[in-house]
């Protein structure tokens, strides 16, 4: 028998259509590849492919599932996720703009993998397979620690910012918070001032410890929430021909102020700083 065939090992897992199953698939992958230096990369790929299957195919419907297969030899690790179909679009690598927060899943997978194959159809399901080299980690893909910040209004995202430090994350929240607070009623404005004067140092210290932070104000029927959490940024391979920092450092003080003023005033008044 050929040596390649004699050392091939295959594992399979079926995951019901619930998002929490992605976490189980990730842990299962880490257990299988616990002795491999590609375990983290494989777990990240499983997270992206499993999430895509649940969100963009019938796998996320009640009673449906996605299937995960890991094939391993001494030279390669193949990760395949099969969805339940039911979508009119075939999975494909997108090329989002720098500030887009969606459409990065398969682009991230293609950055980590040596090869990415997409097969199947809507009727029988799509199979997305990522191939990793078992012998070495991904080349020239420096991961950088940062902080992802968002401003949400009634659950919908109004603005976001990728910060390079806890201080920058807290500063973005403070500027956005105080700009919006000037248009709020007396009570939420008082709460905003209290956070700025009393709670801000605690939020900064918590972020330094790796703890996510959030702040919510209510203005009549409107709920506004600011969040900041530690994340790892990965540069995308398709951005060729120009340098793009993983945690963008292009946001100057003026740009931060300008960005915060994109928030529409809640009572028709424009804050003077804008």
Protein backbone atom coordinates (compact mmCIF):
# COMPACT_ATOMS: atom_id res chain seq x y z
CA UNK A 1 0.00 0.00 0.00
CA UNK A 2 1.18 3.52 -0.75
CA UNK A 3 2.63 5.30 2.29
CA UNK A 4 0.25 8.23 1.83
CA UNK A 5 -2.78 5.96 2.03
CA UNK A 6 -1.41 3.96 4.96
CA UNK A 7 -1.08 7.08 7.13
CA UNK A 8 -4.37 8.77 6.19
CA UNK A 9 -6.75 9.28 9.12
CA UNK A 10 -10.28 10.68 8.87
CA UNK A 11 -12.63 12.07 11.52
CA UNK A 12 -16.25 13.11 10.97
CA UNK A 13 -18.68 15.14 13.07
CA UNK A 14 -22.30 16.13 12.45
CA UNK A 15 -23.40 19.39 14.07
CA UNK A 16 -27.10 20.32 14.44
CA UNK A 17 -28.13 23.74 13.20
CA UNK A 18 -27.38 25.80 16.31
CA UNK A 19 -24.64 28.42 16.59
CA UNK A 20 -23.37 26.91 19.85
CA UNK A 21 -22.46 23.81 17.83
CA UNK A 22 -19.68 25.84 16.22
CA UNK A 23 -17.97 25.98 19.60
CA UNK A 24 -18.27 22.21 19.97
CA UNK A 25 -16.80 21.72 16.49
CA UNK A 26 -13.93 24.05 17.35
CA UNK A 27 -13.09 22.16 20.55
CA UNK A 28 -13.36 18.83 18.71
CA UNK A 29 -10.91 20.10 16.10
CA UNK A 30 -8.42 21.22 18.74
CA UNK A 31 -8.60 17.82 20.43
CA UNK A 32 -7.89 15.98 17.18
CA UNK A 33 -4.99 18.27 16.28
CA UNK A 34 -3.67 18.78 19.80
CA UNK A 35 -0.19 17.65 18.71
CA UNK A 36 -0.13 19.85 15.59
CA UNK A 37 1.20 23.39 15.31
CA UNK A 38 -1.75 24.13 12.99
CA UNK A 39 -4.39 23.41 15.64
CA UNK A 40 -5.22 27.09 16.18
CA UNK A 41 -5.44 27.76 12.45
CA UNK A 42 -7.66 24.72 11.94
CA UNK A 43 -9.96 25.76 14.80
CA UNK A 44 -10.32 29.23 13.30
CA UNK A 45 -11.13 27.77 9.88
CA UNK A 46 -13.76 25.46 11.41
CA UNK A 47 -15.29 28.45 13.19
CA UNK A 48 -15.59 30.44 9.96
CA UNK A 49 -16.84 27.59 7.77
CA UNK A 50 -19.28 26.30 10.38
CA UNK A 51 -20.70 29.75 11.02
CA UNK A 52 -21.08 30.38 7.28
CA UNK A 53 -22.94 27.09 6.87
CA UNK A 54 -25.40 27.99 9.62
CA UNK A 55 -25.97 31.59 8.53
CA UNK A 56 -25.99 31.21 4.75
CA UNK A 57 -27.53 27.80 4.06
CA UNK A 58 -30.36 25.57 5.22
CA UNK A 59 -27.99 24.05 7.79
CA UNK A 60 -29.20 26.69 10.23
CA UNK A 61 -32.85 25.62 9.89
CA UNK A 62 -34.60 23.50 12.49
CA UNK A 63 -33.78 19.84 12.04
CA UNK A 64 -30.84 20.53 9.69
CA UNK A 65 -27.10 20.27 10.31
CA UNK A 66 -23.65 20.73 8.81
CA UNK A 67 -21.01 18.02 8.55
CA UNK A 68 -17.36 18.50 9.44
CA UNK A 69 -14.63 16.18 8.16
CA UNK A 70 -10.95 16.33 9.09
CA UNK A 71 -8.52 14.27 7.02
CA UNK A 72 -4.94 14.14 8.23
CA UNK A 73 -1.64 12.82 6.92
CA UNK A 74 1.88 13.66 8.12
CA UNK A 75 2.04 16.31 5.39
CA UNK A 76 -1.43 17.87 5.27
CA UNK A 77 -4.62 18.59 7.17
CA UNK A 78 -7.83 18.81 5.13
CA UNK A 79 -10.85 20.49 6.71
CA UNK A 80 -14.18 20.07 4.90
CA UNK A 81 -17.55 21.52 5.89
CA UNK A 82 -20.66 20.37 4.01
CA UNK A 83 -23.80 22.48 4.33
CA UNK A 84 -27.42 21.55 3.63
CA UNK A 85 -27.78 23.71 0.52
CA UNK A 86 -30.96 25.71 0.17
CA UNK A 87 -29.25 28.90 -0.96
CA UNK A 88 -29.13 30.50 -4.38
CA UNK A 89 -25.54 31.61 -4.03
CA UNK A 90 -22.36 29.54 -4.00
CA UNK A 91 -19.85 30.24 -1.21
CA UNK A 92 -17.13 32.52 -2.56
CA UNK A 93 -14.27 34.70 -1.39
CA UNK A 94 -15.34 38.34 -1.10
CA UNK A 95 -13.14 41.42 -1.09
CA UNK A 96 -14.71 43.86 1.39
CA UNK A 97 -13.53 47.40 1.95
CA UNK A 98 -11.35 48.22 4.95
CA UNK A 99 -14.28 49.34 7.10
CA UNK A 100 -16.68 46.51 6.21
CA UNK A 101 -17.42 44.13 9.07
CA UNK A 102 -18.96 41.33 7.01
CA UNK A 103 -17.83 39.19 4.08
CA UNK A 104 -14.42 38.33 5.50
CA UNK A 105 -14.96 34.67 6.43
CA UNK A 106 -13.71 32.86 3.33
CA UNK A 107 -11.12 35.55 2.70
CA UNK A 108 -9.68 34.82 6.13
CA UNK A 109 -9.77 31.07 5.44
CA UNK A 110 -7.98 31.55 2.12
CA UNK A 111 -5.28 33.50 3.96
CA UNK A 112 -4.68 30.69 6.43
CA UNK A 113 -4.93 27.79 3.99
CA UNK A 114 -2.55 26.65 1.28
CA UNK A 115 -5.56 25.77 -0.90
CA UNK A 116 -9.31 26.42 -0.79
CA UNK A 117 -11.80 24.37 -2.85
CA UNK A 118 -15.55 24.93 -3.15
CA UNK A 119 -17.74 22.22 -4.68
CA UNK A 120 -21.35 21.02 -4.67
CA UNK A 121 -24.61 22.76 -5.48
CA UNK A 122 -27.73 24.23 -3.92
CA UNK A 123 -29.70 20.97 -4.08
CA UNK A 124 -27.18 18.62 -2.49
CA UNK A 125 -25.20 21.11 -0.43
CA UNK A 126 -21.87 22.86 -0.85
CA UNK A 127 -18.55 21.45 0.33
CA UNK A 128 -15.83 23.91 1.30
CA UNK A 129 -12.41 22.33 1.83
CA UNK A 130 -9.35 24.08 3.23
CA UNK A 131 -5.93 22.46 3.02
CA UNK A 132 -3.27 23.22 5.61
CA UNK A 133 0.35 22.19 5.44
CA UNK A 134 1.00 20.13 8.57
CA UNK A 135 4.68 20.95 8.70
CA UNK A 136 4.72 24.71 9.14
CA UNK A 137 2.53 27.59 10.19
CA UNK A 138 1.18 30.14 7.76
CA UNK A 139 3.95 32.35 6.31
CA UNK A 140 4.03 36.11 6.66
CA UNK A 141 0.66 36.52 8.36
CA UNK A 142 1.38 38.50 11.53
CA UNK A 143 -1.48 38.49 14.01
CA UNK A 144 -1.95 41.69 15.99
CA UNK A 145 -3.87 42.30 19.17
CA UNK A 146 -6.41 45.08 19.15
CA UNK A 147 -9.85 46.17 20.35
CA UNK A 148 -13.09 46.17 18.37
CA UNK A 149 -15.49 48.96 19.31
CA UNK A 150 -19.11 49.40 18.24
CA UNK A 151 -21.99 51.79 18.80
CA UNK A 152 -25.42 50.15 18.55
CA UNK A 153 -28.83 51.83 18.41
CA UNK A 154 -31.73 49.53 19.30
CA UNK A 155 -29.54 46.56 18.38
CA UNK A 156 -28.48 47.88 14.97
CA UNK A 157 -24.89 48.95 14.42
CA UNK A 158 -24.44 52.69 13.96
CA UNK A 159 -20.64 52.91 13.97
CA UNK A 160 -17.50 50.89 14.64
CA UNK A 161 -13.78 51.39 15.17
CA UNK A 162 -10.74 49.13 15.37
CA UNK A 163 -8.42 50.38 18.10
CA UNK A 164 -4.78 49.47 18.61
CA UNK A 165 -4.76 49.99 22.39
CA UNK A 166 -7.15 50.08 25.37
CA UNK A 167 -6.58 53.83 25.62
CA UNK A 168 -7.64 54.36 22.00
CA UNK A 169 -10.73 52.19 22.47
CA UNK A 170 -11.87 54.10 25.56
CA UNK A 171 -11.14 57.43 23.87
CA UNK A 172 -13.33 56.49 20.89
CA UNK A 173 -16.18 55.55 23.22
CA UNK A 174 -15.75 58.78 25.21
CA UNK A 175 -15.84 61.04 22.15
CA UNK A 176 -18.82 59.26 20.60
CA UNK A 177 -20.62 59.08 23.95
CA UNK A 178 -20.25 62.74 24.81
CA UNK A 179 -21.14 63.89 21.30
CA UNK A 180 -24.40 61.95 21.37
CA UNK A 181 -25.10 62.74 25.03
CA UNK A 182 -25.42 66.45 24.25
CA UNK A 183 -28.60 65.63 22.32
CA UNK A 184 -30.14 63.42 25.02
CA UNK A 185 -32.52 64.09 27.89
CA UNK A 186 -31.20 65.13 31.27
CA UNK A 187 -31.02 61.66 32.86
CA UNK A 188 -29.05 59.85 30.10
CA UNK A 189 -26.82 62.92 29.82
CA UNK A 190 -26.11 62.69 33.55
CA UNK A 191 -25.28 58.99 33.17
CA UNK A 192 -22.89 59.79 30.33
CA UNK A 193 -21.13 62.39 32.47
CA UNK A 194 -20.90 59.90 35.33
CA UNK A 195 -19.23 57.32 33.07
CA UNK A 196 -16.82 59.93 31.76
CA UNK A 197 -15.85 61.21 35.22
CA UNK A 198 -16.11 58.06 37.35
CA UNK A 199 -16.35 54.85 35.32
CA UNK A 200 -13.91 55.56 32.49
CA UNK A 201 -10.75 54.56 34.44
CA UNK A 202 -12.40 51.27 35.46
CA UNK A 203 -13.31 50.51 31.84
CA UNK A 204 -9.74 51.22 30.76
CA UNK A 205 -8.29 48.94 33.41
CA UNK A 206 -10.73 46.16 32.52
CA UNK A 207 -9.77 46.32 28.84
CA UNK A 208 -6.11 46.13 29.81
CA UNK A 209 -6.95 42.87 31.60
CA UNK A 210 -8.68 41.53 28.49
CA UNK A 211 -12.24 42.00 29.76
CA UNK A 212 -14.92 43.29 27.32
CA UNK A 213 -16.78 46.46 28.27
CA UNK A 214 -20.18 47.90 27.43
CA UNK A 215 -22.20 51.00 28.29
CA UNK A 216 -25.91 51.52 27.61
CA UNK A 217 -27.98 54.71 27.70
CA UNK A 218 -31.74 54.98 27.17
CA UNK A 219 -33.32 58.01 25.52
CA UNK A 220 -37.11 57.67 25.49
CA UNK A 221 -37.68 54.68 23.16
CA UNK A 222 -34.10 54.57 21.94
CA UNK A 223 -31.39 52.40 23.48
CA UNK A 224 -27.78 53.24 22.64
CA UNK A 225 -24.98 50.83 23.53
CA UNK A 226 -21.21 51.18 23.22
CA UNK A 227 -19.04 48.06 23.35
CA UNK A 228 -15.31 47.36 23.27
CA UNK A 229 -13.67 43.95 23.36
CA UNK A 230 -10.18 42.51 22.82
CA UNK A 231 -9.74 40.81 19.44
CA UNK A 232 -6.99 39.48 17.19
CA UNK A 233 -6.69 41.14 13.79
CA UNK A 234 -5.48 39.20 10.75
CA UNK A 235 -4.38 40.99 7.55
CA UNK A 236 -6.16 39.69 4.45
CA UNK A 237 -4.09 38.23 1.62
CA UNK A 238 -6.15 39.76 -1.20
CA UNK A 239 -5.02 43.31 -0.35
CA UNK A 240 -2.06 43.16 -2.68
CA UNK A 241 -0.03 46.10 -3.91
CA UNK A 242 -0.48 48.27 -0.85
CA UNK A 243 0.20 48.15 2.85
CA UNK A 244 -2.81 47.83 5.13
CA UNK A 245 -2.21 47.57 8.89
CA UNK A 246 -4.19 44.86 10.64
CA UNK A 247 -5.23 47.26 13.39
CA UNK A 248 -5.53 50.44 11.40
CA UNK A 249 -3.58 53.37 12.79
CA UNK A 250 -4.90 55.85 10.22
CA UNK A 251 -7.45 57.41 12.59
CA UNK A 252 -6.09 60.73 13.81
CA UNK A 253 -7.75 62.88 16.46
CA UNK A 254 -9.57 64.87 13.80
CA UNK A 255 -10.78 61.72 12.08
CA UNK A 256 -12.07 60.29 15.35
CA UNK A 257 -14.01 63.46 16.06
CA UNK A 258 -15.37 63.54 12.52
CA UNK A 259 -16.41 59.90 12.70
CA UNK A 260 -18.28 60.39 15.97
CA UNK A 261 -20.21 63.27 14.40
CA UNK A 262 -21.65 60.96 11.76
CA UNK A 263 -24.14 59.93 14.45
CA UNK A 264 -27.45 61.68 13.68
CA UNK A 265 -28.73 64.00 16.44
CA UNK A 266 -31.68 62.55 18.29
CA UNK A 267 -33.56 65.82 18.75
CA UNK A 268 -32.54 67.68 15.60
CA UNK A 269 -29.75 69.63 17.32
CA UNK A 270 -26.20 69.34 16.04
CA UNK A 271 -23.55 69.32 18.80
CA UNK A 272 -21.20 72.34 18.55
CA UNK A 273 -18.07 70.15 18.26
CA UNK A 274 -19.36 68.86 14.89
